[in-house]
C-alpha atoms as a PDB file:
ATOM      1  CA  MET A   1      70.375 -49.485  14.372  1.00  0.00           C
ATOM      2  CA  PRO A   2      73.681 -48.972  15.395  1.00  0.00           C
ATOM      3  CA  GLY A   3      76.387 -48.459  12.674  1.00  0.00           C
ATOM      4  CA  ALA A   4      73.559 -47.377  10.245  1.00  0.00           C
ATOM      5  CA  ALA A   5      73.964 -44.152   8.260  1.00  0.00           C
ATOM      6  CA  PRO A   6      72.001 -41.235   9.851  1.00  0.00           C
ATOM      7  CA  GLY A   7      68.443 -41.081   8.226  1.00  0.00           C
ATOM      8  CA  THR A   8      68.389 -44.727   7.222  1.00  0.00           C
ATOM      9  CA  GLY A   9      66.386 -46.399   9.800  1.00  0.00           C
ATOM     10  CA  ARG A  10      62.903 -46.969  10.471  1.00  0.00           C
ATOM     11  CA  ALA A  11      62.221 -43.561  11.624  1.00  0.00           C
ATOM     12  CA  ALA A  12      63.544 -42.000   8.591  1.00  0.00           C
ATOM     13  CA  GLY A  13      61.064 -44.172   6.366  1.00  0.00           C
ATOM     14  CA  ARG A  14      58.443 -42.875   8.548  1.00  0.00           C
ATOM     15  CA  ALA A  15      59.002 -39.324   8.036  1.00  0.00           C
ATOM     16  CA  ALA A  16      59.200 -39.568   4.645  1.00  0.00           C
ATOM     17  CA  ARG A  17      55.886 -41.293   4.318  1.00  0.00           C
ATOM     18  CA  ASP A  18      54.358 -38.616   6.705  1.00  0.00           C
ATOM     19  CA  ARG A  19      55.800 -35.635   4.659  1.00  0.00           C
ATOM     20  CA  PRO A  20      53.418 -34.638   1.929  1.00  0.00           C
ATOM     21  CA  SER A  21      54.305 -35.078  -1.547  1.00  0.00           C
ATOM     22  CA  ALA A  22      54.528 -32.240  -4.248  1.00  0.00           C
ATOM     23  CA  PRO A  23      51.243 -31.541  -5.871  1.00  0.00           C
ATOM     24  CA  SER A  24      50.152 -33.597  -8.811  1.00  0.00           C
ATOM     25  CA  GLY A  25      47.070 -34.769 -10.532  1.00  0.00           C
ATOM     26  CA  PRO A  26      44.334 -33.321 -12.588  1.00  0.00           C
ATOM     27  CA  ALA A  27      43.246 -30.299  -9.929  1.00  0.00           C
ATOM     28  CA  ILE A  28      47.055 -29.314 -10.208  1.00  0.00           C
ATOM     29  CA  GLY A  29      46.728 -29.483 -13.965  1.00  0.00           C
ATOM     30  CA  TYR A  30      43.672 -27.430 -14.166  1.00  0.00           C
ATOM     31  CA  LEU A  31      45.380 -24.694 -11.975  1.00  0.00           C
ATOM     32  CA  TYR A  32      48.599 -24.527 -13.907  1.00  0.00           C
ATOM     33  CA  ARG A  33      47.251 -25.286 -17.570  1.00  0.00           C
ATOM     34  CA  ARG A  34      48.204 -22.173 -19.620  1.00  0.00           C
ATOM     35  CA  ASN A  35      45.228 -20.107 -21.239  1.00  0.00           C
ATOM     36  CA  PRO A  36      45.409 -20.203 -24.799  1.00  0.00           C
ATOM     37  CA  GLY A  37      44.490 -16.439 -25.223  1.00  0.00           C
ATOM     38  CA  ARG A  38      46.524 -15.226 -22.393  1.00  0.00           C
ATOM     39  CA  GLU A  39      50.164 -16.559 -22.835  1.00  0.00           C
ATOM     40  CA  SER A  40      51.369 -15.119 -19.368  1.00  0.00           C
ATOM     41  CA  ARG A  41      48.310 -15.928 -17.186  1.00  0.00           C
ATOM     42  CA  LEU A  42      47.634 -19.065 -15.468  1.00  0.00           C
ATOM     43  CA  ASP A  43      43.642 -20.540 -15.153  1.00  0.00           C
ATOM     44  CA  GLY A  44      42.320 -19.841 -11.891  1.00  0.00           C
ATOM     45  CA  MET A  45      45.015 -17.774 -10.594  1.00  0.00           C
ATOM     46  CA  VAL A  46      43.918 -14.052 -11.726  1.00  0.00           C
ATOM     47  CA  ARG A  47      41.634 -12.008 -10.080  1.00  0.00           C
ATOM     48  CA  GLU A  48      39.672  -9.124 -11.583  1.00  0.00           C
ATOM     49  CA  PRO A  49      40.468  -5.831 -10.586  1.00  0.00           C
ATOM     50  CA  LEU A  50      37.704  -4.746  -7.864  1.00  0.00           C
ATOM     51  CA  THR A  51      35.255  -1.748  -9.203  1.00  0.00           C
ATOM     52  CA  GLN A  52      35.152   1.697  -7.800  1.00  0.00           C
ATOM     53  CA  THR A  53      31.809   0.713  -6.375  1.00  0.00           C
ATOM     54  CA  GLN A  54      33.175  -2.302  -4.523  1.00  0.00           C
ATOM     55  CA  ILE A  55      35.936  -0.693  -2.932  1.00  0.00           C
ATOM     56  CA  GLU A  56      33.294   2.185  -1.619  1.00  0.00           C
ATOM     57  CA  ARG A  57      31.277  -0.655  -0.261  1.00  0.00           C
ATOM     58  CA  GLY A  58      34.206  -1.922   1.940  1.00  0.00           C
ATOM     59  CA  ARG A  59      35.103   1.571   2.981  1.00  0.00           C
ATOM     60  CA  LEU A  60      31.579   1.899   4.210  1.00  0.00           C
ATOM     61  CA  LEU A  61      31.620  -1.515   5.520  1.00  0.00           C
ATOM     62  CA  GLY A  62      34.718  -0.654   7.823  1.00  0.00           C
ATOM     63  CA  GLY A  63      33.332   2.654   9.021  1.00  0.00           C
ATOM     64  CA  LEU A  64      29.982   0.682  10.215  1.00  0.00           C
ATOM     65  CA  LEU A  65      31.965  -1.937  11.867  1.00  0.00           C
ATOM     66  CA  ARG A  66      34.271   0.783  13.226  1.00  0.00           C
ATOM     67  CA  SER A  67      31.156   2.766  14.427  1.00  0.00           C
ATOM     68  CA  ALA A  68      29.306  -0.636  15.905  1.00  0.00           C
ATOM     69  CA  ARG A  69      32.686  -1.207  17.950  1.00  0.00           C
ATOM     70  CA  ALA A  70      31.907   2.268  19.815  1.00  0.00           C
ATOM     71  CA  ASP A  71      34.487   2.197  22.801  1.00  0.00           C
ATOM     72  CA  ARG A  72      35.487  -1.453  22.801  1.00  0.00           C
ATOM     73  CA  THR A  73      39.150  -2.168  21.846  1.00  0.00           C
ATOM     74  CA  MET A  74      40.207  -3.647  18.564  1.00  0.00           C
ATOM     75  CA  VAL A  75      41.930  -6.089  20.879  1.00  0.00           C
ATOM     76  CA  ASP A  76      38.636  -7.418  22.548  1.00  0.00           C
ATOM     77  CA  VAL A  77      36.827  -7.457  19.490  1.00  0.00           C
ATOM     78  CA  ALA A  78      39.359  -9.366  17.182  1.00  0.00           C
ATOM     79  CA  ARG A  79      39.749 -11.597  20.057  1.00  0.00           C
ATOM     80  CA  GLN A  80      36.059 -12.460  20.278  1.00  0.00           C
ATOM     81  CA  ALA A  81      35.817 -12.890  16.538  1.00  0.00           C
ATOM     82  CA  GLY A  82      38.665 -15.107  16.126  1.00  0.00           C
ATOM     83  CA  ILE A  83      40.788 -13.113  14.036  1.00  0.00           C
ATOM     84  CA  SER A  84      43.926 -10.680  14.154  1.00  0.00           C
ATOM     85  CA  VAL A  85      44.037  -7.308  15.236  1.00  0.00           C
ATOM     86  CA  GLU A  86      45.430  -6.369  11.762  1.00  0.00           C
ATOM     87  CA  THR A  87      42.542  -7.730   9.978  1.00  0.00           C
ATOM     88  CA  LEU A  88      40.190  -5.781  11.944  1.00  0.00           C
ATOM     89  CA  ARG A  89      42.318  -2.720  11.346  1.00  0.00           C
ATOM     90  CA  LYS A  90      42.295  -3.435   7.668  1.00  0.00           C
ATOM     91  CA  ILE A  91      38.718  -3.838   7.258  1.00  0.00           C
ATOM     92  CA  GLU A  92      37.671  -1.055   9.415  1.00  0.00           C
ATOM     93  CA  GLY A  93      40.022   1.210   7.181  1.00  0.00           C
ATOM     94  CA  GLY A  94      38.811  -0.180   4.152  1.00  0.00           C
ATOM     95  CA  ARG A  95      42.156  -1.863   2.973  1.00  0.00           C
ATOM     96  CA  ILE A  96      40.312  -4.899   2.670  1.00  0.00           C
ATOM     97  CA  PRO A  97      37.270  -3.781   0.785  1.00  0.00           C
ATOM     98  CA  THR A  98      35.854  -7.528   0.441  1.00  0.00           C
ATOM     99  CA  PRO A  99      36.490  -9.364   3.448  1.00  0.00           C
ATOM    100  CA  ALA A 100      35.525 -13.200   3.327  1.00  0.00           C
ATOM    101  CA  PHE A 101      32.287 -13.918   4.552  1.00  0.00           C
ATOM    102  CA  PHE A 102      32.968 -15.850   7.561  1.00  0.00           C
ATOM    103  CA  THR A 103      35.201 -13.185   8.762  1.00  0.00           C
ATOM    104  CA  VAL A 104      32.618 -10.386   8.370  1.00  0.00           C
ATOM    105  CA  ALA A 105      30.019 -12.725  10.297  1.00  0.00           C
ATOM    106  CA  ALA A 106      32.545 -13.350  13.131  1.00  0.00           C
ATOM    107  CA  ILE A 107      33.189  -9.589  13.489  1.00  0.00           C
ATOM    108  CA  ALA A 108      29.375  -9.063  13.533  1.00  0.00           C
ATOM    109  CA  ALA A 109      28.477 -11.541  16.200  1.00  0.00           C
ATOM    110  CA  ALA A 110      31.259 -10.041  18.096  1.00  0.00           C
ATOM    111  CA  LEU A 111      29.583  -6.738  17.959  1.00  0.00           C
ATOM    112  CA  ASP A 112      25.816  -8.399  18.355  1.00  0.00           C
ATOM    113  CA  LEU A 113      24.720  -7.127  14.905  1.00  0.00           C
ATOM    114  CA  SER A 114      22.839  -9.317  12.891  1.00  0.00           C
ATOM    115  CA  LEU A 115      24.209  -9.471   8.952  1.00  0.00           C
ATOM    116  CA  ASP A 116      20.557  -8.990   7.651  1.00  0.00           C
ATOM    117  CA  ASP A 117      20.919  -5.176   9.501  1.00  0.00           C
ATOM    118  CA  LEU A 118      24.808  -5.053   8.446  1.00  0.00           C
ATOM    119  CA  LEU A 119      23.784  -5.345   4.890  1.00  0.00           C
ATOM    120  CA  ARG A 120      20.674  -3.001   5.123  1.00  0.00           C
ATOM    121  CA  ARG A 121      23.035  -0.438   6.869  1.00  0.00           C
ATOM    122  CA  VAL A 122      25.537  -0.965   3.843  1.00  0.00           C
ATOM    123  CA  ASP A 123      22.705  -0.672   1.202  1.00  0.00           C
ATOM    124  CA  ASP A 124      21.562   2.548   2.759  1.00  0.00           C
ATOM    125  CA  ALA A 125      24.847   4.431   3.069  1.00  0.00           C
ATOM    126  CA  ALA A 126      25.525   3.460  -0.380  1.00  0.00           C
ATOM    127  CA  ALA A 127      22.450   4.475  -1.776  1.00  0.00           C
ATOM    128  CA  ALA A 128      22.826   8.181   0.247  1.00  0.00           C
ATOM    129  CA  PRO A 129      23.662  11.212  -1.513  1.00  0.00           C
ATOM    130  CA  VAL A 130      27.424  12.359  -1.153  1.00  0.00           C
ATOM    131  CA  SER A 131      27.174  15.632   0.465  1.00  0.00           C
ATOM    132  CA  ALA A 132      29.846  18.055  -0.858  1.00  0.00           C
END
């Protein structure tokens, strides 16, 4: 519209309508409702700390994935798995001890490993006595 103030035409109305609104409703109320027993924490927002066993299994998983990668580059495996090189690096180094299932599945597929075999290897390595 000629002579109209900027941001007041039909396009501005469309832009405002297409913009997502602020979260509201019962689902958001659940996430932000205070827990009466723990006034400083929010429901659904707290993750329990990992146990030492979970951390160790993450390191074992990362080591097994690293050895299965053999002489392939991180870039090659990450690209084939559809993840970032940094994510693969963190998983292999044990810095992400509990990676998402689909991330592990994608890496295993890129390395031609079955998830059953990978789980068995992690279990076997976890059960093996630690040599000093």
